[in-house]
Amino acid sequence: MAKRGYHHGNLRQALVEAALELIAETGPQGFTMAEAAKRADVSAAAPYRHFTGREDLIIEIARQGFDLFSDVLEYAYKDGQPSPLVAFEAVGRAYLAFARKHPGHYAAMFESGVPVNASKDLAAACARADNVLLRAAADLSARMPPDRRPPATMFAAHVTALSHGIVALYARGTPGARAPFTPEELLESGVGVYLRGLGFLESDT
């Protein structure tokens, strides 16, 4: 029987896909190269033709994840249309959707402990995703009162941290298991409180 990697014609990508399955099941630290090779149906030595070790494999998974993440965010952002606020909210929902749909990539990107500067390609992919978030924040913050306007980088970091926290605490498992609200509702209300504090949205009171 042909080995899975060779049958696919791309052993490197077959190992990535095998590792993604393992990461989704056990986390980025919960598998070995031997397990990835077994899942890909190749010999234990085969992965080392393409990767120096498990961290190198995770770096490639994270790079692919950030490329996909950037595409998802770009699509949601739509160059700030139809308005900066609507586009910003769409980017936030896309963040949650990506984490839910691509748990293996998300874990490799944000939970593996691999630094974003571990490779030039990974750093570039991460910067591309960050740039979408920064543009969305900059477009929206430009419409805030100057005396209440945070730097766009800080604005983007605040909302990214909020989104990441919601993913970590509430977006996994059964929706509503830990909170009587969906992750999207939590993000929308959290961003609303944040924007009201900056004077962008009128208070309800």
Protein backbone atom coordinates (compact mmCIF):
# COMPACT_ATOMS: atom_id res chain seq x y z
CA MET A 1 0.00 0.00 0.00
CA ALA A 2 1.32 3.44 -0.88
CA LYS A 3 2.32 5.62 2.00
CA ARG A 4 -0.08 8.49 2.70
CA GLY A 5 2.51 11.23 2.09
CA TYR A 6 3.80 9.82 -1.15
CA HIS A 7 0.29 9.00 -2.35
CA HIS A 8 -0.59 12.67 -1.87
CA GLY A 9 2.54 13.64 -3.76
CA ASN A 10 3.54 16.09 -1.04
CA LEU A 11 5.03 14.52 2.05
CA ARG A 12 5.70 17.90 3.67
CA GLN A 13 2.05 18.92 3.51
CA ALA A 14 0.86 15.46 4.51
CA LEU A 15 2.87 15.84 7.72
CA VAL A 16 1.41 19.29 8.30
CA GLU A 17 -2.10 17.92 7.96
CA ALA A 18 -1.34 14.99 10.25
CA ALA A 19 0.11 17.33 12.88
CA LEU A 20 -2.92 19.61 12.59
CA GLU A 21 -5.16 16.70 13.51
CA LEU A 22 -2.97 15.87 16.49
CA ILE A 23 -2.81 19.49 17.67
CA ALA A 24 -6.59 19.79 17.52
CA GLU A 25 -6.84 16.62 19.62
CA THR A 26 -4.04 17.05 22.17
CA GLY A 27 -2.64 20.58 21.82
CA PRO A 28 0.58 21.82 20.23
CA GLN A 29 2.74 20.24 22.92
CA GLY A 30 0.86 16.95 23.02
CA PHE A 31 2.34 15.07 20.08
CA THR A 32 5.69 13.78 18.87
CA MET A 33 7.25 13.65 15.42
CA ALA A 34 6.85 9.87 15.52
CA GLU A 35 3.10 10.27 16.10
CA ALA A 36 2.85 12.74 13.24
CA ALA A 37 4.69 10.29 10.98
CA LYS A 38 2.38 7.46 12.03
CA ARG A 39 -0.70 9.61 11.41
CA ALA A 40 0.67 10.48 7.94
CA ASP A 41 1.40 6.77 7.38
CA VAL A 42 5.10 7.25 6.72
CA SER A 43 8.23 6.00 8.47
CA ALA A 44 9.45 7.63 11.67
CA ALA A 45 12.44 8.99 9.80
CA ALA A 46 10.46 10.52 6.93
CA PRO A 47 9.51 13.82 8.67
CA TYR A 48 13.17 14.75 9.08
CA ARG A 49 13.52 15.07 5.33
CA HIS A 50 11.48 18.26 5.62
CA PHE A 51 11.57 19.39 9.26
CA THR A 52 14.36 19.51 11.81
CA GLY A 53 11.96 18.63 14.61
CA ARG A 54 8.53 19.20 16.12
CA GLU A 55 9.06 22.95 16.60
CA ASP A 56 10.03 23.36 12.96
CA LEU A 57 6.83 21.55 11.97
CA ILE A 58 4.76 23.78 14.26
CA ILE A 59 6.41 26.87 12.78
CA GLU A 60 5.23 25.81 9.32
CA ILE A 61 1.72 25.15 10.62
CA ALA A 62 1.66 28.56 12.28
CA ARG A 63 2.88 30.23 9.09
CA GLN A 64 0.15 28.60 7.05
CA GLY A 65 -2.32 29.54 9.75
CA PHE A 66 -1.39 33.21 9.69
CA ASP A 67 -1.66 33.25 5.90
CA LEU A 68 -5.14 31.78 6.12
CA PHE A 69 -6.02 34.08 9.03
CA SER A 70 -4.97 37.11 6.98
CA ASP A 71 -7.16 36.04 4.08
CA VAL A 72 -10.15 35.61 6.40
CA LEU A 73 -9.62 39.01 8.04
CA GLU A 74 -9.09 40.76 4.70
CA TYR A 75 -12.31 39.27 3.36
CA ALA A 76 -14.22 40.39 6.45
CA TYR A 77 -12.70 43.88 6.44
CA LYS A 78 -13.63 44.68 2.81
CA ASP A 79 -11.39 47.76 2.84
CA GLY A 80 -13.49 49.35 5.57
CA GLN A 81 -16.81 49.03 3.75
CA PRO A 82 -19.62 49.81 4.21
CA SER A 83 -18.37 51.79 7.22
CA PRO A 84 -15.36 51.63 9.56
CA LEU A 85 -17.54 50.47 12.46
CA VAL A 86 -19.31 47.73 10.50
CA ALA A 87 -15.99 46.58 9.02
CA PHE A 88 -14.34 46.56 12.44
CA GLU A 89 -17.12 44.45 13.91
CA ALA A 90 -16.88 42.05 10.96
CA VAL A 91 -13.16 41.60 11.60
CA GLY A 92 -13.90 40.70 15.22
CA ARG A 93 -16.45 38.09 14.20
CA ALA A 94 -13.99 36.71 11.65
CA TYR A 95 -11.39 36.31 14.42
CA LEU A 96 -13.78 34.12 16.40
CA ALA A 97 -14.88 32.19 13.32
CA PHE A 98 -11.29 31.40 12.38
CA ALA A 99 -10.49 30.08 15.84
CA ARG A 100 -13.57 27.87 15.78
CA LYS A 101 -13.05 26.54 12.25
CA HIS A 102 -9.27 26.08 12.38
CA PRO A 103 -8.43 25.01 15.96
CA GLY A 104 -5.17 23.31 15.00
CA HIS A 105 -3.83 26.35 13.20
CA TYR A 106 -5.01 28.67 15.96
CA ALA A 107 -3.29 26.63 18.65
CA ALA A 108 -0.04 26.54 16.68
CA MET A 109 -0.22 30.29 16.09
CA PHE A 110 -1.07 31.43 19.61
CA GLU A 111 -0.62 28.59 22.08
CA SER A 112 2.49 26.70 21.03
CA GLY A 113 5.04 29.04 22.57
CA VAL A 114 6.78 29.43 19.20
CA PRO A 115 7.89 33.08 18.81
CA VAL A 116 6.61 34.88 15.73
CA ASN A 117 10.18 35.70 14.74
CA ALA A 118 11.16 32.02 14.72
CA SER A 119 11.43 32.32 10.94
CA LYS A 120 11.27 35.16 8.44
CA ASP A 121 8.28 33.61 6.69
CA LEU A 122 6.36 33.23 9.95
CA ALA A 123 7.15 36.81 10.97
CA ALA A 124 5.96 38.11 7.59
CA ALA A 125 2.74 36.10 7.74
CA CYS A 126 2.02 37.31 11.28
CA ALA A 127 2.72 40.93 10.29
CA ARG A 128 0.26 40.66 7.41
CA ALA A 129 -2.53 39.57 9.77
CA ASP A 130 -1.60 42.24 12.30
CA ASN A 131 -1.74 44.84 9.56
CA VAL A 132 -5.39 44.06 8.82
CA LEU A 133 -6.27 44.50 12.49
CA LEU A 134 -4.23 47.69 12.65
CA ARG A 135 -5.90 49.17 9.58
CA ALA A 136 -9.34 48.39 10.98
CA ALA A 137 -8.44 50.01 14.29
CA ALA A 138 -6.83 53.03 12.63
CA ASP A 139 -9.82 53.68 10.38
CA LEU A 140 -12.21 53.54 13.31
CA SER A 141 -10.09 55.45 15.83
CA ALA A 142 -9.58 58.27 13.31
CA ARG A 143 -13.23 59.13 13.87
CA MET A 144 -12.90 59.42 17.64
CA PRO A 145 -12.38 62.66 19.56
CA PRO A 146 -8.62 63.41 19.42
CA ASP A 147 -8.34 63.73 23.19
CA ARG A 148 -9.84 60.24 23.66
CA ARG A 149 -8.16 58.54 20.75
CA PRO A 150 -5.66 55.81 21.70
CA PRO A 151 -2.80 54.96 19.35
CA ALA A 152 -4.09 52.62 16.67
CA THR A 153 -1.56 49.97 17.75
CA MET A 154 -2.90 50.07 21.30
CA PHE A 155 -6.50 50.04 20.09
CA ALA A 156 -5.80 46.97 17.93
CA ALA A 157 -3.96 45.26 20.81
CA HIS A 158 -6.84 45.85 23.23
CA VAL A 159 -9.45 44.36 20.94
CA THR A 160 -7.17 41.50 19.92
CA ALA A 161 -6.66 40.66 23.59
CA LEU A 162 -10.43 40.76 24.16
CA SER A 163 -11.02 38.48 21.16
CA HIS A 164 -8.29 36.06 22.25
CA GLY A 165 -9.67 35.91 25.77
CA ILE A 166 -13.15 35.11 24.49
CA VAL A 167 -11.73 32.34 22.32
CA ALA A 168 -9.78 30.87 25.23
CA LEU A 169 -12.66 30.99 27.70
CA TYR A 170 -15.90 30.78 25.76
CA ALA A 171 -15.50 29.89 22.07
CA ARG A 172 -14.52 26.27 22.53
CA GLY A 173 -16.66 23.33 23.43
CA THR A 174 -20.42 23.71 23.64
CA PRO A 175 -21.61 27.32 23.19
CA GLY A 176 -23.24 28.60 26.36
CA ALA A 177 -21.55 26.04 28.58
CA ARG A 178 -19.60 28.70 30.52
CA ALA A 179 -21.67 31.80 29.78
CA PRO A 180 -25.32 32.42 28.83
CA PHE A 181 -24.12 34.32 25.75
CA THR A 182 -22.52 33.37 22.47
CA PRO A 183 -18.88 34.34 21.88
CA GLU A 184 -20.08 36.81 19.24
CA GLU A 185 -22.43 38.46 21.73
CA LEU A 186 -19.65 38.72 24.29
CA LEU A 187 -17.30 40.31 21.76
CA GLU A 188 -19.90 42.74 20.46
CA SER A 189 -20.87 43.92 23.94
CA GLY A 190 -17.23 44.11 25.06
CA VAL A 191 -16.23 46.21 22.06
CA GLY A 192 -19.31 48.37 22.64
CA VAL A 193 -18.27 49.09 26.23
CA TYR A 194 -14.74 49.87 25.04
CA LEU A 195 -15.92 52.26 22.33
CA ARG A 196 -18.32 54.02 24.68
CA GLY A 197 -15.46 54.55 27.10
CA LEU A 198 -13.51 56.23 24.32
CA GLY A 199 -16.44 58.44 23.45
CA PHE A 200 -17.01 56.88 20.04
CA LEU A 201 -20.49 55.57 20.80
CA GLU A 202 -23.11 57.42 22.75
CA SER A 203 -23.91 56.01 26.16
CA ASP A 204 -27.23 54.26 26.65
CA THR A 205 -27.81 56.37 29.75
